C-alpha cells in the first residue's frame, strides 16, 4: 500500500496483513499514534465475513481499473447484463 501523506510504500505485518482489498471496504485506516495505524470498522462485520480495507484509488492501475475485488466484479457483472 502507498501512503497518500508522504508517498512512501507501506508494508503491513501481523494481523493487518490479513485485510484484503475491497473498493467498498468494511474498515478504514486511521492513525493511532506516531508510527501506528489501526483499521476501524465502518460497516457491520458479521461472523464469517471477510475483513477488507481499501488499498487506495490507484493500487490496481489508474482509478483501480484493473481491480478484481468482489464489489468491482459485481459491478462489471451487472453492467454486462
C-alpha atoms as a PDB file:
ATOM      1  CA  UNK A   1       0.000   0.000   0.000  1.00  0.00           C
ATOM      2  CA  UNK A   2       1.159   3.546  -0.655  1.00  0.00           C
ATOM      3  CA  UNK A   3       0.835   6.426   1.833  1.00  0.00           C
ATOM      4  CA  UNK A   4      -1.154   9.342   0.443  1.00  0.00           C
ATOM      5  CA  UNK A   5       0.532  11.594   3.025  1.00  0.00           C
ATOM      6  CA  UNK A   6       4.203  11.058   2.198  1.00  0.00           C
ATOM      7  CA  UNK A   7       4.142   8.853  -0.921  1.00  0.00           C
ATOM      8  CA  UNK A   8       6.051   6.022   0.779  1.00  0.00           C
ATOM      9  CA  UNK A   9       5.192   2.378   0.287  1.00  0.00           C
ATOM     10  CA  UNK A  10       3.831   0.654   3.392  1.00  0.00           C
ATOM     11  CA  UNK A  11       4.096  -2.978   4.431  1.00  0.00           C
ATOM     12  CA  UNK A  12       1.637  -4.370   6.932  1.00  0.00           C
ATOM     13  CA  UNK A  13       2.709  -7.279   9.107  1.00  0.00           C
ATOM     14  CA  UNK A  14       0.856  -9.276  11.736  1.00  0.00           C
ATOM     15  CA  UNK A  15      -2.960  -9.266  11.738  1.00  0.00           C
ATOM     16  CA  UNK A  16      -3.147  -6.283   9.341  1.00  0.00           C
ATOM     17  CA  UNK A  17      -1.628  -8.486   6.633  1.00  0.00           C
ATOM     18  CA  UNK A  18      -4.934 -10.408   6.544  1.00  0.00           C
ATOM     19  CA  UNK A  19      -7.084  -7.429   5.489  1.00  0.00           C
ATOM     20  CA  UNK A  20      -7.960  -7.954   1.854  1.00  0.00           C
ATOM     21  CA  UNK A  21      -8.763  -5.151  -0.562  1.00  0.00           C
ATOM     22  CA  UNK A  22     -12.268  -4.013  -1.428  1.00  0.00           C
ATOM     23  CA  UNK A  23     -13.334  -0.798  -3.138  1.00  0.00           C
ATOM     24  CA  UNK A  24     -16.330  -0.935  -0.744  1.00  0.00           C
ATOM     25  CA  UNK A  25     -14.314  -1.850   2.360  1.00  0.00           C
ATOM     26  CA  UNK A  26     -15.774  -2.534   5.807  1.00  0.00           C
ATOM     27  CA  UNK A  27     -12.795  -0.867   7.558  1.00  0.00           C
ATOM     28  CA  UNK A  28     -10.800   2.323   7.095  1.00  0.00           C
ATOM     29  CA  UNK A  29      -7.251   3.179   8.123  1.00  0.00           C
ATOM     30  CA  UNK A  30      -6.827   5.652  10.984  1.00  0.00           C
ATOM     31  CA  UNK A  31      -3.619   6.894  12.543  1.00  0.00           C
ATOM     32  CA  UNK A  32      -3.436   5.621  16.136  1.00  0.00           C
ATOM     33  CA  UNK A  33      -0.068   7.060  17.087  1.00  0.00           C
ATOM     34  CA  UNK A  34       3.059   8.468  15.535  1.00  0.00           C
ATOM     35  CA  UNK A  35       4.083   5.173  13.933  1.00  0.00           C
ATOM     36  CA  UNK A  36       0.911   3.113  14.196  1.00  0.00           C
ATOM     37  CA  UNK A  37      -2.196   2.714  12.058  1.00  0.00           C
ATOM     38  CA  UNK A  38      -5.439   0.951  13.012  1.00  0.00           C
ATOM     39  CA  UNK A  39      -8.218  -0.494  10.894  1.00  0.00           C
ATOM     40  CA  UNK A  40     -11.519   0.863  12.215  1.00  0.00           C
ATOM     41  CA  UNK A  41     -14.831  -0.665  11.178  1.00  0.00           C
ATOM     42  CA  UNK A  42     -17.139   1.451   9.031  1.00  0.00           C
ATOM     43  CA  UNK A  43     -19.727  -1.276   8.347  1.00  0.00           C
ATOM     44  CA  UNK A  44     -21.103  -4.112  10.450  1.00  0.00           C
ATOM     45  CA  UNK A  45     -18.931  -7.222  10.097  1.00  0.00           C
ATOM     46  CA  UNK A  46     -20.777 -10.472  10.761  1.00  0.00           C
ATOM     47  CA  UNK A  47     -19.064 -13.621  11.942  1.00  0.00           C
ATOM     48  CA  UNK A  48     -17.501 -15.271   8.888  1.00  0.00           C
ATOM     49  CA  UNK A  49     -17.369 -12.052   6.810  1.00  0.00           C
ATOM     50  CA  UNK A  50     -14.110 -11.096   5.164  1.00  0.00           C
ATOM     51  CA  UNK A  51     -12.421  -8.065   6.749  1.00  0.00           C
ATOM     52  CA  UNK A  52     -11.493  -5.610   3.999  1.00  0.00           C
ATOM     53  CA  UNK A  53      -9.708  -2.287   3.566  1.00  0.00           C
ATOM     54  CA  UNK A  54      -9.354  -0.012   0.555  1.00  0.00           C
ATOM     55  CA  UNK A  55      -5.721  -0.113  -0.572  1.00  0.00           C
ATOM     56  CA  UNK A  56      -6.033   3.170  -2.464  1.00  0.00           C
ATOM     57  CA  UNK A  57      -7.519   4.713  -5.584  1.00  0.00           C
ATOM     58  CA  UNK A  58      -4.711   3.627  -7.932  1.00  0.00           C
ATOM     59  CA  UNK A  59      -3.376   0.443  -6.294  1.00  0.00           C
ATOM     60  CA  UNK A  60      -4.757  -1.732  -9.115  1.00  0.00           C
ATOM     61  CA  UNK A  61      -3.990   0.550 -12.054  1.00  0.00           C
ATOM     62  CA  UNK A  62      -5.265   4.044 -12.802  1.00  0.00           C
ATOM     63  CA  UNK A  63      -8.553   4.561 -10.937  1.00  0.00           C
ATOM     64  CA  UNK A  64      -8.330   0.867  -9.944  1.00  0.00           C
ATOM     65  CA  UNK A  65      -9.405  -0.126 -13.477  1.00  0.00           C
ATOM     66  CA  UNK A  66      -7.657  -3.484 -13.039  1.00  0.00           C
ATOM     67  CA  UNK A  67      -9.242  -4.197  -9.644  1.00  0.00           C
ATOM     68  CA  UNK A  68     -10.733  -7.669  -9.222  1.00  0.00           C
ATOM     69  CA  UNK A  69     -12.294  -7.261  -5.773  1.00  0.00           C
ATOM     70  CA  UNK A  70     -15.789  -8.646  -5.171  1.00  0.00           C
ATOM     71  CA  UNK A  71     -17.518  -5.254  -5.372  1.00  0.00           C
ATOM     72  CA  UNK A  72     -15.831  -4.461  -8.724  1.00  0.00           C
ATOM     73  CA  UNK A  73     -16.639  -7.946 -10.048  1.00  0.00           C
ATOM     74  CA  UNK A  74     -20.290  -7.421  -9.049  1.00  0.00           C
ATOM     75  CA  UNK A  75     -20.373  -4.026 -10.808  1.00  0.00           C
ATOM     76  CA  UNK A  76     -18.861  -5.491 -14.000  1.00  0.00           C
ATOM     77  CA  UNK A  77     -21.335  -8.395 -13.915  1.00  0.00           C
ATOM     78  CA  UNK A  78     -24.322  -6.026 -13.519  1.00  0.00           C
ATOM     79  CA  UNK A  79     -23.099  -3.725 -16.301  1.00  0.00           C
ATOM     80  CA  UNK A  80     -22.754  -6.708 -18.654  1.00  0.00           C
ATOM     81  CA  UNK A  81     -26.469  -7.564 -18.364  1.00  0.00           C
END
